[in-house]
């Protein structure tokens, strides 16, 4: 899935679920699934935070596969 297929334009300011900084209105962001409180919710994230997090998760999965 390409990043431009899952991004949205912010209508107002949001807080990034990853870094806690403001996602300003008018900018592009990703609504990503974030676990919390026993539920999975969709929270706004900067596109840069999302790609960093996705790369980090991929690296952790690869490391886990090597250890099995």
PDB file of N, CA and C in Angstrom:
ATOM      1  N   UNK A   1       0.844  -1.172   0.000  1.00  0.00           N
ATOM      2  CA  UNK A   1       0.000   0.000   0.000  1.00  0.00           C
ATOM      3  C   UNK A   1       0.895   1.242   0.000  1.00  0.00           C
ATOM      4  N   UNK A   2       0.567   2.167  -0.885  1.00  0.00           N
ATOM      5  CA  UNK A   2       1.362   3.391  -0.984  1.00  0.00           C
ATOM      6  C   UNK A   2       0.884   4.415   0.031  1.00  0.00           C
ATOM      7  N   UNK A   3       1.811   5.235   0.510  1.00  0.00           N
ATOM      8  CA  UNK A   3       1.505   6.241   1.527  1.00  0.00           C
ATOM      9  C   UNK A   3       0.469   7.246   1.036  1.00  0.00           C
ATOM     10  N   UNK A   4       0.522   7.622  -0.241  1.00  0.00           N
ATOM     11  CA  UNK A   4      -0.444   8.600  -0.748  1.00  0.00           C
ATOM     12  C   UNK A   4      -1.864   8.033  -0.827  1.00  0.00           C
ATOM     13  N   UNK A   5      -2.009   6.714  -0.712  1.00  0.00           N
ATOM     14  CA  UNK A   5      -3.330   6.090  -0.718  1.00  0.00           C
ATOM     15  C   UNK A   5      -3.991   6.106   0.661  1.00  0.00           C
ATOM     16  N   UNK A   6      -3.200   6.302   1.711  1.00  0.00           N
ATOM     17  CA  UNK A   6      -3.755   6.229   3.069  1.00  0.00           C
ATOM     18  C   UNK A   6      -3.666   7.543   3.835  1.00  0.00           C
ATOM     19  N   UNK A   7      -3.208   8.603   3.182  1.00  0.00           N
ATOM     20  CA  UNK A   7      -3.112   9.887   3.874  1.00  0.00           C
ATOM     21  C   UNK A   7      -4.400  10.691   3.709  1.00  0.00           C
ATOM     22  N   UNK A   8      -4.627  11.576   4.661  1.00  0.00           N
ATOM     23  CA  UNK A   8      -5.790  12.447   4.675  1.00  0.00           C
ATOM     24  C   UNK A   8      -5.309  13.880   4.878  1.00  0.00           C
ATOM     25  N   UNK A   9      -6.135  14.847   4.531  1.00  0.00           N
ATOM     26  CA  UNK A   9      -5.827  16.248   4.793  1.00  0.00           C
ATOM     27  C   UNK A   9      -6.525  16.651   6.085  1.00  0.00           C
ATOM     28  N   UNK A  10      -5.751  17.172   7.029  1.00  0.00           N
ATOM     29  CA  UNK A  10      -6.289  17.567   8.330  1.00  0.00           C
ATOM     30  C   UNK A  10      -7.189  18.796   8.175  1.00  0.00           C
ATOM     31  N   UNK A  11      -8.388  18.707   8.721  1.00  0.00           N
ATOM     32  CA  UNK A  11      -9.309  19.855   8.692  1.00  0.00           C
ATOM     33  C   UNK A  11      -9.049  20.783   9.869  1.00  0.00           C
ATOM     34  N   UNK A  12      -8.499  20.237  10.935  1.00  0.00           N
ATOM     35  CA  UNK A  12      -8.147  21.039  12.116  1.00  0.00           C
ATOM     36  C   UNK A  12      -6.850  20.484  12.679  1.00  0.00           C
ATOM     37  N   UNK A  13      -6.359  21.063  13.764  1.00  0.00           N
ATOM     38  CA  UNK A  13      -5.129  20.586  14.390  1.00  0.00           C
ATOM     39  C   UNK A  13      -5.396  19.295  15.160  1.00  0.00           C
ATOM     40  N   UNK A  14      -4.486  18.344  15.053  1.00  0.00           N
ATOM     41  CA  UNK A  14      -4.553  17.088  15.790  1.00  0.00           C
ATOM     42  C   UNK A  14      -3.230  16.888  16.510  1.00  0.00           C
ATOM     43  N   UNK A  15      -3.226  16.011  17.503  1.00  0.00           N
ATOM     44  CA  UNK A  15      -1.983  15.605  18.147  1.00  0.00           C
ATOM     45  C   UNK A  15      -1.542  14.278  17.565  1.00  0.00           C
ATOM     46  N   UNK A  16      -0.289  14.198  17.173  1.00  0.00           N
ATOM     47  CA  UNK A  16       0.271  12.962  16.621  1.00  0.00           C
ATOM     48  C   UNK A  16       0.343  11.911  17.723  1.00  0.00           C
ATOM     49  N   UNK A  17      -0.169  10.714  17.453  1.00  0.00           N
ATOM     50  CA  UNK A  17      -0.169   9.626  18.431  1.00  0.00           C
ATOM     51  C   UNK A  17       1.231   9.074  18.663  1.00  0.00           C
ATOM     52  N   UNK A  18       2.158   9.381  17.780  1.00  0.00           N
ATOM     53  CA  UNK A  18       3.517   8.853  17.901  1.00  0.00           C
ATOM     54  C   UNK A  18       4.440   9.813  18.662  1.00  0.00           C
ATOM     55  N   UNK A  19       4.506  11.071  18.212  1.00  0.00           N
ATOM     56  CA  UNK A  19       5.466  12.007  18.807  1.00  0.00           C
ATOM     57  C   UNK A  19       4.820  13.045  19.732  1.00  0.00           C
ATOM     58  N   UNK A  20       3.478  13.186  19.677  1.00  0.00           N
ATOM     59  CA  UNK A  20       2.792  14.134  20.543  1.00  0.00           C
ATOM     60  C   UNK A  20       2.808  15.571  20.050  1.00  0.00           C
ATOM     61  N   UNK A  21       3.434  15.818  18.919  1.00  0.00           N
ATOM     62  CA  UNK A  21       3.467  17.168  18.348  1.00  0.00           C
ATOM     63  C   UNK A  21       2.188  17.416  17.551  1.00  0.00           C
ATOM     64  N   UNK A  22       1.927  18.661  17.219  1.00  0.00           N
ATOM     65  CA  UNK A  22       0.722  19.024  16.488  1.00  0.00           C
ATOM     66  C   UNK A  22       0.821  18.657  15.013  1.00  0.00           C
ATOM     67  N   UNK A  23      -0.251  18.063  14.490  1.00  0.00           N
ATOM     68  CA  UNK A  23      -0.426  17.883  13.053  1.00  0.00           C
ATOM     69  C   UNK A  23      -1.303  19.061  12.630  1.00  0.00           C
ATOM     70  N   UNK A  24      -0.716  20.083  11.987  1.00  0.00           N
ATOM     71  CA  UNK A  24      -1.477  21.298  11.693  1.00  0.00           C
ATOM     72  C   UNK A  24      -2.573  21.084  10.647  1.00  0.00           C
ATOM     73  N   UNK A  25      -3.649  21.836  10.795  1.00  0.00           N
ATOM     74  CA  UNK A  25      -4.729  21.790   9.821  1.00  0.00           C
ATOM     75  C   UNK A  25      -4.210  22.114   8.430  1.00  0.00           C
ATOM     76  N   UNK A  26      -4.698  21.398   7.436  1.00  0.00           N
ATOM     77  CA  UNK A  26      -4.261  21.599   6.057  1.00  0.00           C
ATOM     78  C   UNK A  26      -3.112  20.703   5.639  1.00  0.00           C
ATOM     79  N   UNK A  27      -2.428  20.062   6.596  1.00  0.00           N
ATOM     80  CA  UNK A  27      -1.314  19.188   6.249  1.00  0.00           C
ATOM     81  C   UNK A  27      -1.804  17.749   6.055  1.00  0.00           C
ATOM     82  N   UNK A  28      -0.975  16.922   5.450  1.00  0.00           N
ATOM     83  CA  UNK A  28      -1.316  15.517   5.208  1.00  0.00           C
ATOM     84  C   UNK A  28      -0.920  14.702   6.434  1.00  0.00           C
ATOM     85  N   UNK A  29      -1.748  13.715   6.780  1.00  0.00           N
ATOM     86  CA  UNK A  29      -1.467  12.840   7.909  1.00  0.00           C
ATOM     87  C   UNK A  29      -2.048  11.456   7.650  1.00  0.00           C
ATOM     88  N   UNK A  30      -1.679  10.496   8.481  1.00  0.00           N
ATOM     89  CA  UNK A  30      -2.162   9.117   8.373  1.00  0.00           C
ATOM     90  C   UNK A  30      -2.995   8.813   9.606  1.00  0.00           C
ATOM     91  N   UNK A  31      -4.138   8.172   9.427  1.00  0.00           N
ATOM     92  CA  UNK A  31      -4.932   7.664  10.558  1.00  0.00           C
ATOM     93  C   UNK A  31      -4.533   6.204  10.708  1.00  0.00           C
ATOM     94  N   UNK A  32      -3.702   5.930  11.694  1.00  0.00           N
ATOM     95  CA  UNK A  32      -3.157   4.584  11.878  1.00  0.00           C
ATOM     96  C   UNK A  32      -3.797   3.903  13.085  1.00  0.00           C
ATOM     97  N   UNK A  33      -3.859   2.586  13.030  1.00  0.00           N
ATOM     98  CA  UNK A  33      -4.386   1.826  14.156  1.00  0.00           C
ATOM     99  C   UNK A  33      -3.361   1.810  15.275  1.00  0.00           C
ATOM    100  N   UNK A  34      -3.821   2.184  16.463  1.00  0.00           N
ATOM    101  CA  UNK A  34      -2.966   2.247  17.640  1.00  0.00           C
ATOM    102  C   UNK A  34      -3.667   1.490  18.772  1.00  0.00           C
ATOM    103  N   UNK A  35      -3.021   0.467  19.353  1.00  0.00           N
ATOM    104  CA  UNK A  35      -3.665  -0.246  20.456  1.00  0.00           C
ATOM    105  C   UNK A  35      -3.664   0.595  21.727  1.00  0.00           C
ATOM    106  N   UNK A  36      -4.651   0.375  22.556  1.00  0.00           N
ATOM    107  CA  UNK A  36      -4.695   1.092  23.827  1.00  0.00           C
ATOM    108  C   UNK A  36      -5.975   0.787  24.584  1.00  0.00           C
ATOM    109  N   UNK A  37      -5.848   0.475  25.857  1.00  0.00           N
ATOM    110  CA  UNK A  37      -7.002   0.231  26.698  1.00  0.00           C
ATOM    111  C   UNK A  37      -7.820  -0.981  26.292  1.00  0.00           C
ATOM    112  N   UNK A  38      -7.180  -1.967  25.678  1.00  0.00           N
ATOM    113  CA  UNK A  38      -7.893  -3.162  25.258  1.00  0.00           C
ATOM    114  C   UNK A  38      -8.617  -3.005  23.931  1.00  0.00           C
ATOM    115  N   UNK A  39      -8.554  -1.832  23.341  1.00  0.00           N
ATOM    116  CA  UNK A  39      -9.198  -1.571  22.058  1.00  0.00           C
ATOM    117  C   UNK A  39      -8.163  -1.127  21.034  1.00  0.00           C
ATOM    118  N   UNK A  40      -8.525  -1.235  19.784  1.00  0.00           N
ATOM    119  CA  UNK A  40      -7.672  -0.704  18.726  1.00  0.00           C
ATOM    120  C   UNK A  40      -8.398   0.494  18.136  1.00  0.00           C
ATOM    121  N   UNK A  41      -7.772   1.658  18.245  1.00  0.00           N
ATOM    122  CA  UNK A  41      -8.380   2.897  17.753  1.00  0.00           C
ATOM    123  C   UNK A  41      -7.547   3.448  16.607  1.00  0.00           C
ATOM    124  N   UNK A  42      -8.169   4.249  15.761  1.00  0.00           N
ATOM    125  CA  UNK A  42      -7.433   4.937  14.697  1.00  0.00           C
ATOM    126  C   UNK A  42      -7.071   6.321  15.189  1.00  0.00           C
ATOM    127  N   UNK A  43      -5.776   6.617  15.206  1.00  0.00           N
ATOM    128  CA  UNK A  43      -5.270   7.894  15.712  1.00  0.00           C
ATOM    129  C   UNK A  43      -4.464   8.593  14.616  1.00  0.00           C
ATOM    130  N   UNK A  44      -4.462   9.926  14.612  1.00  0.00           N
ATOM    131  CA  UNK A  44      -3.684  10.665  13.616  1.00  0.00           C
ATOM    132  C   UNK A  44      -2.188  10.597  13.897  1.00  0.00           C
ATOM    133  N   UNK A  45      -1.409  10.536  12.819  1.00  0.00           N
ATOM    134  CA  UNK A  45       0.059  10.510  12.904  1.00  0.00           C
ATOM    135  C   UNK A  45       0.642  11.288  11.739  1.00  0.00           C
ATOM    136  N   UNK A  46       1.752  11.990  12.006  1.00  0.00           N
ATOM    137  CA  UNK A  46       2.497  12.600  10.901  1.00  0.00           C
ATOM    138  C   UNK A  46       2.898  11.493   9.929  1.00  0.00           C
ATOM    139  N   UNK A  47       2.979  11.812   8.654  1.00  0.00           N
ATOM    140  CA  UNK A  47       3.401  10.792   7.688  1.00  0.00           C
ATOM    141  C   UNK A  47       4.824  10.320   7.984  1.00  0.00           C
ATOM    142  N   UNK A  48       5.701  11.227   8.441  1.00  0.00           N
ATOM    143  CA  UNK A  48       7.080  10.849   8.766  1.00  0.00           C
ATOM    144  C   UNK A  48       7.110   9.904   9.971  1.00  0.00           C
ATOM    145  N   UNK A  49       6.297  10.173  10.969  1.00  0.00           N
ATOM    146  CA  UNK A  49       6.229   9.289  12.144  1.00  0.00           C
ATOM    147  C   UNK A  49       5.714   7.915  11.742  1.00  0.00           C
ATOM    148  N   UNK A  50       4.700   7.891  10.872  1.00  0.00           N
ATOM    149  CA  UNK A  50       4.125   6.626  10.423  1.00  0.00           C
ATOM    150  C   UNK A  50       5.161   5.791   9.679  1.00  0.00           C
ATOM    151  N   UNK A  51       5.905   6.409   8.761  1.00  0.00           N
ATOM    152  CA  UNK A  51       6.889   5.643   7.993  1.00  0.00           C
ATOM    153  C   UNK A  51       8.018   5.162   8.892  1.00  0.00           C
ATOM    154  N   UNK A  52       8.444   5.986   9.863  1.00  0.00           N
ATOM    155  CA  UNK A  52       9.471   5.557  10.813  1.00  0.00           C
ATOM    156  C   UNK A  52       8.987   4.373  11.634  1.00  0.00           C
ATOM    157  N   UNK A  53       7.740   4.458  12.103  1.00  0.00           N
ATOM    158  CA  UNK A  53       7.175   3.398  12.921  1.00  0.00           C
ATOM    159  C   UNK A  53       7.013   2.110  12.106  1.00  0.00           C
ATOM    160  N   UNK A  54       6.560   2.232  10.861  1.00  0.00           N
ATOM    161  CA  UNK A  54       6.392   1.061  10.005  1.00  0.00           C
ATOM    162  C   UNK A  54       7.742   0.398   9.737  1.00  0.00           C
ATOM    163  N   UNK A  55       8.778   1.199   9.487  1.00  0.00           N
ATOM    164  CA  UNK A  55      10.116   0.650   9.251  1.00  0.00           C
ATOM    165  C   UNK A  55      10.636  -0.031  10.508  1.00  0.00           C
ATOM    166  N   UNK A  56      10.393   0.563  11.660  1.00  0.00           N
ATOM    167  CA  UNK A  56      10.827  -0.021  12.926  1.00  0.00           C
ATOM    168  C   UNK A  56      10.132  -1.354  13.177  1.00  0.00           C
ATOM    169  N   UNK A  57       8.823  -1.421  12.921  1.00  0.00           N
ATOM    170  CA  UNK A  57       8.082  -2.671  13.103  1.00  0.00           C
ATOM    171  C   UNK A  57       8.569  -3.750  12.163  1.00  0.00           C
ATOM    172  N   UNK A  58       8.896  -3.386  10.924  1.00  0.00           N
ATOM    173  CA  UNK A  58       9.411  -4.351   9.960  1.00  0.00           C
ATOM    174  C   UNK A  58      10.753  -4.898  10.418  1.00  0.00           C
ATOM    175  N   UNK A  59      11.631  -4.024  10.936  1.00  0.00           N
ATOM    176  CA  UNK A  59      12.934  -4.473  11.417  1.00  0.00           C
ATOM    177  C   UNK A  59      12.788  -5.396  12.626  1.00  0.00           C
ATOM    178  N   UNK A  60      11.830  -5.104  13.515  1.00  0.00           N
ATOM    179  CA  UNK A  60      11.616  -5.956  14.684  1.00  0.00           C
ATOM    180  C   UNK A  60      11.092  -7.327  14.254  1.00  0.00           C
ATOM    181  N   UNK A  61      10.215  -7.372  13.249  1.00  0.00           N
ATOM    182  CA  UNK A  61       9.692  -8.640  12.757  1.00  0.00           C
ATOM    183  C   UNK A  61      10.803  -9.469  12.147  1.00  0.00           C
ATOM    184  N   UNK A  62      11.694  -8.846  11.381  1.00  0.00           N
ATOM    185  CA  UNK A  62      12.803  -9.563  10.772  1.00  0.00           C
ATOM    186  C   UNK A  62      13.731 -10.128  11.842  1.00  0.00           C
ATOM    187  N   UNK A  63      14.001  -9.363  12.886  1.00  0.00           N
ATOM    188  CA  UNK A  63      14.859  -9.822  13.975  1.00  0.00           C
ATOM    189  C   UNK A  63      14.198 -10.997  14.698  1.00  0.00           C
ATOM    190  N   UNK A  64      12.898 -10.931  14.890  1.00  0.00           N
ATOM    191  CA  UNK A  64      12.162 -12.006  15.550  1.00  0.00           C
ATOM    192  C   UNK A  64      12.239 -13.286  14.708  1.00  0.00           C
ATOM    193  N   UNK A  65      12.105 -13.162  13.383  1.00  0.00           N
ATOM    194  CA  UNK A  65      12.174 -14.330  12.494  1.00  0.00           C
ATOM    195  C   UNK A  65      13.544 -14.979  12.556  1.00  0.00           C
ATOM    196  N   UNK A  66      14.604 -14.189  12.686  1.00  0.00           N
ATOM    197  CA  UNK A  66      15.963 -14.743  12.775  1.00  0.00           C
ATOM    198  C   UNK A  66      16.176 -15.518  14.057  1.00  0.00           C
ATOM    199  N   UNK A  67      15.478 -15.102  15.131  1.00  0.00           N
ATOM    200  CA  UNK A  67      15.652 -15.752  16.444  1.00  0.00           C
ATOM    201  C   UNK A  67      14.820 -17.010  16.601  1.00  0.00           C
ATOM    202  N   UNK A  68      13.893 -17.257  15.707  1.00  0.00           N
ATOM    203  CA  UNK A  68      13.025 -18.450  15.828  1.00  0.00           C
ATOM    204  C   UNK A  68      13.749 -19.685  15.384  1.00  0.00           C
TER     205      UNK A  68
END
